[in-house]
């Protein structure tokens, strides 16, 4: 298979200046405000985005320290396969977050519930649509016993350079 390359379309700005202490999911970052600066070549693609209350940000974990196929995630003290977690040290270090879109001003998206480190390269934006994105689920694996700890879980620096 040939190599795949992505070019950032913008940069995410947030109050989280380093991985250490950053909330690990948007639910734990409620009301944390940030912005997304879209680069000039991509501004036209923002047309009609302001009609959505939430967007999915797809970004590059630029501070992740390499690849680990087994990790001890933030919300457990046991190792799990990387694909059973949302931890950063992935074969392709791509993250996703659903954030609240407050407004769009020219090339700047004003967002809330940002759980992303300042300066993170943005790869894509998709509208969040509950009818497409919400599913009834039967099981959530190892997180079943730990999911309620999300509001207090923070990045402790274990995956950053």
N, C-alpha and C. Protein backbone atom coordinates (compact mmCIF):
# COMPACT_ATOMS: atom_id res chain seq x y z
N UNK A 1 0.85 -1.18 0.00
CA UNK A 1 0.00 0.00 0.00
C UNK A 1 0.89 1.24 0.00
N UNK A 2 0.49 2.24 -0.75
CA UNK A 2 1.31 3.44 -0.81
C UNK A 2 1.13 4.30 0.44
N UNK A 3 2.11 5.15 0.68
CA UNK A 3 2.11 6.02 1.84
C UNK A 3 0.93 7.00 1.77
N UNK A 4 0.39 7.32 2.93
CA UNK A 4 -0.69 8.29 3.04
C UNK A 4 -0.15 9.49 3.81
N UNK A 5 -0.40 10.68 3.29
CA UNK A 5 0.04 11.90 3.96
C UNK A 5 -1.13 12.86 4.10
N UNK A 6 -1.14 13.58 5.20
CA UNK A 6 -2.16 14.59 5.43
C UNK A 6 -1.49 15.93 5.67
N UNK A 7 -2.16 16.98 5.27
CA UNK A 7 -1.70 18.34 5.48
C UNK A 7 -2.68 19.02 6.42
N UNK A 8 -2.22 19.62 7.51
CA UNK A 8 -3.14 20.31 8.42
C UNK A 8 -3.92 21.41 7.69
N UNK A 9 -5.18 21.57 8.08
CA UNK A 9 -6.03 22.62 7.52
C UNK A 9 -6.15 23.80 8.48
N UNK A 10 -5.57 23.64 9.66
CA UNK A 10 -5.65 24.69 10.66
C UNK A 10 -4.94 24.28 11.93
N UNK A 11 -5.08 25.10 12.95
CA UNK A 11 -4.47 24.83 14.25
C UNK A 11 -5.49 25.11 15.35
N UNK A 12 -5.48 24.27 16.37
CA UNK A 12 -6.41 24.38 17.50
C UNK A 12 -5.72 25.17 18.61
N UNK A 13 -6.43 26.15 19.14
CA UNK A 13 -5.94 26.96 20.26
C UNK A 13 -6.80 26.66 21.49
N UNK A 14 -6.16 26.43 22.61
CA UNK A 14 -6.91 26.08 23.82
C UNK A 14 -6.19 26.59 25.05
N UNK A 15 -6.85 26.55 26.20
CA UNK A 15 -6.19 26.95 27.44
C UNK A 15 -5.21 25.89 27.95
N UNK A 16 -5.18 24.72 27.34
CA UNK A 16 -4.34 23.62 27.78
C UNK A 16 -2.98 23.73 27.06
N UNK A 17 -1.99 24.24 27.76
CA UNK A 17 -0.70 24.56 27.13
C UNK A 17 0.26 23.38 27.05
N UNK A 18 -0.04 22.31 27.75
CA UNK A 18 0.78 21.10 27.70
C UNK A 18 -0.13 19.90 27.97
N UNK A 19 0.30 18.71 27.60
CA UNK A 19 -0.54 17.54 27.85
C UNK A 19 -0.87 17.34 29.34
N UNK A 20 0.12 17.51 30.21
CA UNK A 20 -0.07 17.30 31.64
C UNK A 20 -1.22 18.16 32.17
N UNK A 21 -2.23 17.51 32.73
CA UNK A 21 -3.37 18.20 33.30
C UNK A 21 -4.52 18.47 32.35
N UNK A 22 -4.34 18.18 31.08
CA UNK A 22 -5.41 18.40 30.09
C UNK A 22 -6.52 17.36 30.31
N UNK A 23 -7.79 17.78 30.28
CA UNK A 23 -8.88 16.80 30.36
C UNK A 23 -8.75 15.80 29.22
N UNK A 24 -9.15 14.56 29.48
CA UNK A 24 -8.91 13.51 28.48
C UNK A 24 -10.10 13.26 27.55
N UNK A 25 -11.20 13.94 27.77
CA UNK A 25 -12.35 13.86 26.87
C UNK A 25 -13.13 15.17 26.97
N UNK A 26 -13.87 15.56 25.91
CA UNK A 26 -14.63 16.81 25.95
C UNK A 26 -15.62 16.89 27.12
N UNK A 27 -16.18 15.77 27.54
CA UNK A 27 -17.13 15.78 28.66
C UNK A 27 -16.46 16.32 29.93
N UNK A 28 -15.18 16.04 30.10
CA UNK A 28 -14.44 16.51 31.27
C UNK A 28 -13.93 17.93 31.08
N UNK A 29 -14.10 18.49 29.89
CA UNK A 29 -13.62 19.85 29.59
C UNK A 29 -14.79 20.81 29.39
N UNK A 30 -15.94 20.49 29.96
CA UNK A 30 -17.11 21.33 29.76
C UNK A 30 -16.80 22.80 30.04
N UNK A 31 -17.20 23.64 29.10
CA UNK A 31 -17.05 25.09 29.16
C UNK A 31 -15.63 25.59 28.91
N UNK A 32 -14.65 24.70 28.75
CA UNK A 32 -13.30 25.17 28.40
C UNK A 32 -13.38 25.74 26.98
N UNK A 33 -12.98 26.99 26.83
CA UNK A 33 -13.11 27.66 25.55
C UNK A 33 -11.81 27.64 24.76
N UNK A 34 -11.97 27.59 23.46
CA UNK A 34 -10.83 27.63 22.57
C UNK A 34 -11.25 28.16 21.21
N UNK A 35 -10.30 28.17 20.31
CA UNK A 35 -10.58 28.57 18.93
C UNK A 35 -9.89 27.60 17.98
N UNK A 36 -10.36 27.59 16.77
CA UNK A 36 -9.71 26.85 15.71
C UNK A 36 -9.45 27.84 14.59
N UNK A 37 -8.18 27.99 14.24
CA UNK A 37 -7.81 28.87 13.14
C UNK A 37 -7.70 28.03 11.88
N UNK A 38 -8.54 28.32 10.90
CA UNK A 38 -8.50 27.61 9.63
C UNK A 38 -7.58 28.38 8.68
N UNK A 39 -6.68 27.66 8.03
CA UNK A 39 -5.75 28.30 7.11
C UNK A 39 -6.50 28.83 5.88
N UNK A 40 -6.01 29.93 5.29
CA UNK A 40 -6.71 30.62 4.19
C UNK A 40 -7.18 29.71 3.04
N UNK A 41 -6.40 28.73 2.66
CA UNK A 41 -6.77 27.86 1.55
C UNK A 41 -8.04 27.05 1.80
N UNK A 42 -8.48 26.97 3.06
CA UNK A 42 -9.59 26.10 3.42
C UNK A 42 -10.82 26.84 3.93
N UNK A 43 -10.76 28.16 4.00
CA UNK A 43 -11.85 28.96 4.57
C UNK A 43 -13.17 28.76 3.84
N UNK A 44 -13.13 28.63 2.53
CA UNK A 44 -14.36 28.44 1.75
C UNK A 44 -15.13 27.20 2.23
N UNK A 45 -14.43 26.21 2.75
CA UNK A 45 -15.06 24.98 3.23
C UNK A 45 -15.87 25.18 4.51
N UNK A 46 -15.77 26.35 5.14
CA UNK A 46 -16.54 26.62 6.36
C UNK A 46 -17.98 27.06 6.08
N UNK A 47 -18.31 27.29 4.81
CA UNK A 47 -19.65 27.74 4.46
C UNK A 47 -20.70 26.80 5.05
N UNK A 48 -21.68 27.35 5.74
CA UNK A 48 -22.82 26.66 6.35
C UNK A 48 -22.49 25.90 7.63
N UNK A 49 -21.23 25.90 8.06
CA UNK A 49 -20.88 25.19 9.28
C UNK A 49 -21.54 25.82 10.50
N UNK A 50 -21.79 27.13 10.44
CA UNK A 50 -22.39 27.82 11.58
C UNK A 50 -23.81 27.38 11.87
N UNK A 51 -24.39 26.54 11.04
CA UNK A 51 -25.72 25.99 11.29
C UNK A 51 -25.72 24.79 12.23
N UNK A 52 -24.54 24.38 12.68
CA UNK A 52 -24.43 23.22 13.56
C UNK A 52 -24.00 23.67 14.96
N UNK A 53 -24.53 23.02 15.99
CA UNK A 53 -24.15 23.37 17.36
C UNK A 53 -22.89 22.64 17.81
N UNK A 54 -22.59 21.50 17.19
CA UNK A 54 -21.41 20.72 17.55
C UNK A 54 -20.69 20.26 16.29
N UNK A 55 -19.38 20.13 16.41
CA UNK A 55 -18.57 19.63 15.30
C UNK A 55 -17.60 18.57 15.83
N UNK A 56 -17.18 17.71 14.94
CA UNK A 56 -16.17 16.72 15.25
C UNK A 56 -14.84 17.25 14.70
N UNK A 57 -13.87 17.43 15.58
CA UNK A 57 -12.54 17.85 15.16
C UNK A 57 -11.66 16.60 15.05
N UNK A 58 -11.00 16.47 13.92
CA UNK A 58 -10.06 15.36 13.68
C UNK A 58 -8.67 16.00 13.66
N UNK A 59 -7.78 15.51 14.51
CA UNK A 59 -6.50 16.18 14.67
C UNK A 59 -5.36 15.20 14.84
N UNK A 60 -4.15 15.74 14.74
CA UNK A 60 -2.92 14.96 14.87
C UNK A 60 -2.37 15.10 16.29
N UNK A 61 -2.14 13.98 16.98
CA UNK A 61 -1.52 14.00 18.30
C UNK A 61 -0.03 14.32 18.12
N UNK A 62 0.29 15.59 17.92
CA UNK A 62 1.65 16.00 17.59
C UNK A 62 2.64 15.86 18.74
N UNK A 63 2.17 15.69 19.96
CA UNK A 63 3.07 15.56 21.10
C UNK A 63 3.18 14.12 21.60
N UNK A 64 2.55 13.19 20.91
CA UNK A 64 2.58 11.79 21.31
C UNK A 64 3.98 11.22 21.11
N UNK A 65 4.42 10.43 22.08
CA UNK A 65 5.78 9.87 22.00
C UNK A 65 5.77 8.47 21.40
N UNK A 66 5.65 8.42 20.11
CA UNK A 66 5.78 7.15 19.40
C UNK A 66 4.60 6.22 19.52
N UNK A 67 4.84 4.98 19.09
CA UNK A 67 3.81 3.96 18.98
C UNK A 67 3.92 2.95 20.11
N UNK A 68 2.79 2.58 20.69
CA UNK A 68 2.70 1.49 21.65
C UNK A 68 1.43 0.71 21.33
N UNK A 69 1.57 -0.56 21.08
CA UNK A 69 0.39 -1.38 20.77
C UNK A 69 -0.35 -1.82 22.03
N UNK A 70 0.31 -1.73 23.19
CA UNK A 70 -0.33 -1.99 24.48
C UNK A 70 -0.03 -0.80 25.37
N UNK A 71 -1.07 -0.26 25.99
CA UNK A 71 -0.92 0.92 26.84
C UNK A 71 -1.71 0.76 28.12
N UNK A 72 -1.28 1.50 29.13
CA UNK A 72 -2.04 1.60 30.36
C UNK A 72 -2.78 2.94 30.26
N UNK A 73 -4.07 2.93 29.91
CA UNK A 73 -4.79 4.18 29.68
C UNK A 73 -5.02 4.96 30.98
N UNK A 74 -5.40 6.21 30.82
CA UNK A 74 -5.60 7.09 31.97
C UNK A 74 -6.62 6.56 32.96
N UNK A 75 -7.62 5.85 32.49
CA UNK A 75 -8.72 5.47 33.37
C UNK A 75 -8.65 4.02 33.85
N UNK A 76 -7.45 3.42 33.81
CA UNK A 76 -7.30 2.05 34.31
C UNK A 76 -5.85 1.84 34.72
N UNK A 77 -5.63 0.84 35.55
CA UNK A 77 -4.26 0.52 35.96
C UNK A 77 -3.76 -0.76 35.31
N UNK A 78 -4.48 -1.23 34.29
CA UNK A 78 -4.09 -2.42 33.55
C UNK A 78 -3.80 -2.05 32.10
N UNK A 79 -2.96 -2.87 31.46
CA UNK A 79 -2.65 -2.66 30.06
C UNK A 79 -3.76 -3.18 29.16
N UNK A 80 -3.97 -2.47 28.05
CA UNK A 80 -4.97 -2.84 27.04
C UNK A 80 -4.36 -2.61 25.67
N UNK A 81 -4.88 -3.28 24.66
CA UNK A 81 -4.45 -3.01 23.29
C UNK A 81 -4.81 -1.59 22.91
N UNK A 82 -3.95 -0.93 22.16
CA UNK A 82 -4.16 0.48 21.80
C UNK A 82 -5.51 0.71 21.15
N UNK A 83 -6.00 -0.26 20.38
CA UNK A 83 -7.27 -0.06 19.67
C UNK A 83 -8.48 -0.21 20.59
N UNK A 84 -8.27 -0.63 21.83
CA UNK A 84 -9.33 -0.70 22.82
C UNK A 84 -9.28 0.53 23.74
N UNK A 85 -8.50 1.54 23.32
CA UNK A 85 -8.36 2.78 24.09
C UNK A 85 -8.45 3.98 23.15
N UNK A 86 -8.42 5.16 23.74
CA UNK A 86 -8.33 6.39 22.95
C UNK A 86 -7.00 7.09 23.18
N UNK A 87 -6.03 6.35 23.69
CA UNK A 87 -4.71 6.90 24.02
C UNK A 87 -3.97 7.38 22.76
N UNK A 88 -3.11 8.38 22.91
CA UNK A 88 -2.41 8.97 21.75
C UNK A 88 -1.36 8.13 21.02
N UNK A 89 -0.62 7.22 21.66
CA UNK A 89 0.50 6.58 20.93
C UNK A 89 0.05 5.50 19.94
N UNK A 90 -0.65 5.92 18.91
CA UNK A 90 -1.28 5.03 17.95
C UNK A 90 -0.42 4.87 16.70
N UNK A 91 -0.66 3.82 15.88
CA UNK A 91 0.08 3.70 14.62
C UNK A 91 -0.07 4.96 13.76
N UNK A 92 -1.26 5.53 13.74
CA UNK A 92 -1.51 6.82 13.10
C UNK A 92 -2.08 7.71 14.21
N UNK A 93 -1.28 8.60 14.79
CA UNK A 93 -1.70 9.35 15.96
C UNK A 93 -2.77 10.41 15.66
N UNK A 94 -3.98 9.91 15.44
CA UNK A 94 -5.12 10.76 15.09
C UNK A 94 -6.09 10.77 16.26
N UNK A 95 -6.54 11.96 16.64
CA UNK A 95 -7.53 12.11 17.70
C UNK A 95 -8.80 12.70 17.16
N UNK A 96 -9.90 12.48 17.89
CA UNK A 96 -11.18 13.10 17.55
C UNK A 96 -11.81 13.66 18.82
N UNK A 97 -12.48 14.76 18.70
CA UNK A 97 -13.23 15.36 19.80
C UNK A 97 -14.49 16.00 19.25
N UNK A 98 -15.60 15.79 19.95
CA UNK A 98 -16.85 16.47 19.63
C UNK A 98 -16.91 17.70 20.54
N UNK A 99 -16.90 18.88 19.92
CA UNK A 99 -16.92 20.13 20.67
C UNK A 99 -18.13 20.97 20.28
N UNK A 100 -18.49 21.88 21.18
CA UNK A 100 -19.59 22.80 20.90
C UNK A 100 -19.07 23.94 20.03
N UNK A 101 -19.76 24.22 18.94
CA UNK A 101 -19.41 25.33 18.07
C UNK A 101 -20.22 26.54 18.51
N UNK A 102 -19.54 27.55 19.00
CA UNK A 102 -20.21 28.77 19.49
C UNK A 102 -20.52 29.71 18.33
N UNK A 103 -19.51 29.96 17.49
CA UNK A 103 -19.72 30.83 16.33
C UNK A 103 -18.54 30.69 15.38
N UNK A 104 -18.77 31.14 14.16
CA UNK A 104 -17.73 31.18 13.14
C UNK A 104 -17.53 32.64 12.76
N UNK A 105 -16.31 33.12 12.84
CA UNK A 105 -15.96 34.50 12.43
C UNK A 105 -14.82 34.41 11.43
N UNK A 106 -15.15 34.62 10.17
CA UNK A 106 -14.15 34.52 9.09
C UNK A 106 -13.50 33.13 9.13
N UNK A 107 -12.21 33.07 9.47
CA UNK A 107 -11.51 31.78 9.49
C UNK A 107 -11.34 31.22 10.90
N UNK A 108 -12.04 31.77 11.87
CA UNK A 108 -11.91 31.35 13.27
C UNK A 108 -13.21 30.70 13.76
N UNK A 109 -13.08 29.48 14.28
CA UNK A 109 -14.20 28.81 14.95
C UNK A 109 -14.02 29.02 16.44
N UNK A 110 -15.04 29.51 17.10
CA UNK A 110 -15.03 29.64 18.55
C UNK A 110 -15.71 28.40 19.10
N UNK A 111 -15.01 27.68 19.99
CA UNK A 111 -15.51 26.39 20.46
C UNK A 111 -15.49 26.32 21.98
N UNK A 112 -16.27 25.37 22.51
CA UNK A 112 -16.27 25.06 23.94
C UNK A 112 -16.11 23.55 24.12
N UNK A 113 -15.76 23.17 25.33
CA UNK A 113 -15.57 21.78 25.72
C UNK A 113 -14.32 21.21 25.05
N UNK A 114 -13.31 22.04 24.90
CA UNK A 114 -12.09 21.64 24.21
C UNK A 114 -11.15 20.89 25.16
N UNK A 115 -10.80 19.69 24.76
CA UNK A 115 -9.91 18.81 25.53
C UNK A 115 -8.60 18.56 24.78
N UNK A 116 -8.19 19.53 24.00
CA UNK A 116 -7.07 19.38 23.07
C UNK A 116 -5.97 20.36 23.46
N UNK A 117 -4.73 19.93 23.35
CA UNK A 117 -3.58 20.77 23.70
C UNK A 117 -3.42 21.91 22.69
N UNK A 118 -3.11 23.09 23.20
CA UNK A 118 -2.88 24.27 22.37
C UNK A 118 -1.82 23.99 21.31
N UNK A 119 -2.10 24.43 20.07
CA UNK A 119 -1.15 24.26 18.98
C UNK A 119 -1.30 22.97 18.21
N UNK A 120 -2.31 22.18 18.51
CA UNK A 120 -2.52 20.90 17.84
C UNK A 120 -2.94 21.11 16.39
N UNK A 121 -2.30 20.42 15.45
CA UNK A 121 -2.68 20.52 14.03
C UNK A 121 -4.05 19.89 13.76
N UNK A 122 -4.90 20.64 13.08
CA UNK A 122 -6.23 20.16 12.72
C UNK A 122 -6.18 19.51 11.34
N UNK A 123 -6.74 18.31 11.23
CA UNK A 123 -6.76 17.59 9.96
C UNK A 123 -8.09 17.71 9.23
N UNK A 124 -9.20 17.78 9.99
CA UNK A 124 -10.52 17.82 9.35
C UNK A 124 -11.56 18.27 10.36
N UNK A 125 -12.71 18.69 9.83
CA UNK A 125 -13.89 19.07 10.62
C UNK A 125 -15.08 18.37 10.00
N UNK A 126 -15.93 17.81 10.83
CA UNK A 126 -17.17 17.21 10.34
C UNK A 126 -18.30 17.68 11.23
N UNK A 127 -19.49 17.89 10.67
CA UNK A 127 -20.62 18.28 11.52
C UNK A 127 -21.05 17.09 12.37
N UNK A 128 -21.40 17.36 13.61
CA UNK A 128 -21.94 16.33 14.49
C UNK A 128 -23.45 16.31 14.31
N UNK A 129 -23.99 15.17 13.98
CA UNK A 129 -25.42 15.01 13.73
C UNK A 129 -25.91 13.83 14.58
N UNK A 130 -26.70 14.09 15.63
CA UNK A 130 -27.12 13.01 16.52
C UNK A 130 -27.74 11.81 15.79
N UNK A 131 -28.55 12.08 14.79
CA UNK A 131 -29.19 10.98 14.07
C UNK A 131 -28.18 10.08 13.35
N UNK A 132 -27.00 10.61 13.06
CA UNK A 132 -25.94 9.82 12.42
C UNK A 132 -24.99 9.24 13.47
N UNK A 133 -24.72 10.01 14.52
CA UNK A 133 -23.60 9.72 15.41
C UNK A 133 -23.94 9.04 16.73
N UNK A 134 -25.17 9.12 17.19
CA UNK A 134 -25.54 8.48 18.45
C UNK A 134 -26.04 7.07 18.16
N UNK A 135 -25.49 6.13 18.89
CA UNK A 135 -25.88 4.73 18.75
C UNK A 135 -26.25 4.16 20.11
N UNK A 136 -27.19 3.25 20.15
CA UNK A 136 -27.44 2.48 21.36
C UNK A 136 -26.35 1.41 21.41
N UNK A 137 -25.65 1.33 22.53
CA UNK A 137 -24.57 0.35 22.65
C UNK A 137 -24.88 -0.64 23.76
N UNK A 138 -24.41 -1.85 23.58
CA UNK A 138 -24.66 -2.91 24.55
C UNK A 138 -23.51 -3.06 25.54
N UNK A 139 -22.29 -2.73 25.12
CA UNK A 139 -21.15 -2.91 26.00
C UNK A 139 -20.05 -1.91 25.66
N UNK A 140 -19.27 -1.58 26.69
CA UNK A 140 -18.17 -0.62 26.50
C UNK A 140 -16.86 -1.17 27.07
N UNK A 141 -16.72 -2.49 26.99
CA UNK A 141 -15.46 -3.14 27.33
C UNK A 141 -14.96 -2.83 28.72
N UNK A 142 -13.64 -2.71 28.85
CA UNK A 142 -12.98 -2.49 30.13
C UNK A 142 -13.40 -1.16 30.77
N UNK A 143 -13.93 -0.24 29.99
CA UNK A 143 -14.34 1.05 30.56
C UNK A 143 -15.61 0.97 31.40
N UNK A 144 -16.33 -0.13 31.29
CA UNK A 144 -17.58 -0.30 32.05
C UNK A 144 -17.41 0.08 33.53
N UNK A 145 -16.31 -0.38 34.13
CA UNK A 145 -16.10 -0.13 35.57
C UNK A 145 -15.46 1.22 35.86
N UNK A 146 -14.95 1.92 34.83
CA UNK A 146 -14.20 3.15 35.06
C UNK A 146 -14.80 4.40 34.42
N UNK A 147 -15.80 4.25 33.59
CA UNK A 147 -16.30 5.37 32.79
C UNK A 147 -16.80 6.53 33.64
N UNK A 148 -17.27 6.27 34.82
CA UNK A 148 -17.77 7.35 35.67
C UNK A 148 -16.67 8.24 36.22
N UNK A 149 -15.41 7.85 36.06
CA UNK A 149 -14.30 8.67 36.51
C UNK A 149 -13.87 9.72 35.50
N UNK A 150 -14.57 9.84 34.40
CA UNK A 150 -14.16 10.75 33.33
C UNK A 150 -14.06 12.21 33.77
N UNK A 151 -14.91 12.65 34.66
CA UNK A 151 -14.91 14.06 35.02
C UNK A 151 -13.68 14.47 35.82
N UNK A 152 -13.00 13.51 36.43
CA UNK A 152 -11.82 13.85 37.21
C UNK A 152 -10.52 13.39 36.55
N UNK A 153 -10.60 12.59 35.51
CA UNK A 153 -9.40 12.08 34.84
C UNK A 153 -8.71 13.20 34.06
N UNK A 154 -7.41 13.28 34.20
CA UNK A 154 -6.60 14.28 33.49
C UNK A 154 -5.37 13.59 32.91
N UNK A 155 -4.80 14.20 31.89
CA UNK A 155 -3.56 13.70 31.30
C UNK A 155 -2.46 13.83 32.36
N UNK A 156 -1.75 12.74 32.60
CA UNK A 156 -0.67 12.77 33.58
C UNK A 156 0.71 12.78 32.91
N UNK A 157 0.72 13.01 31.58
CA UNK A 157 1.98 13.12 30.87
C UNK A 157 2.58 11.83 30.38
N UNK A 158 1.95 10.71 30.63
CA UNK A 158 2.57 9.41 30.31
C UNK A 158 2.76 9.15 28.81
N UNK A 159 2.01 9.85 27.95
CA UNK A 159 2.11 9.58 26.52
C UNK A 159 2.80 10.70 25.73
N UNK A 160 3.23 11.76 26.41
CA UNK A 160 3.80 12.92 25.71
C UNK A 160 5.31 12.85 25.68
N UNK A 161 5.88 13.47 24.65
CA UNK A 161 7.34 13.56 24.53
C UNK A 161 7.92 14.38 25.67
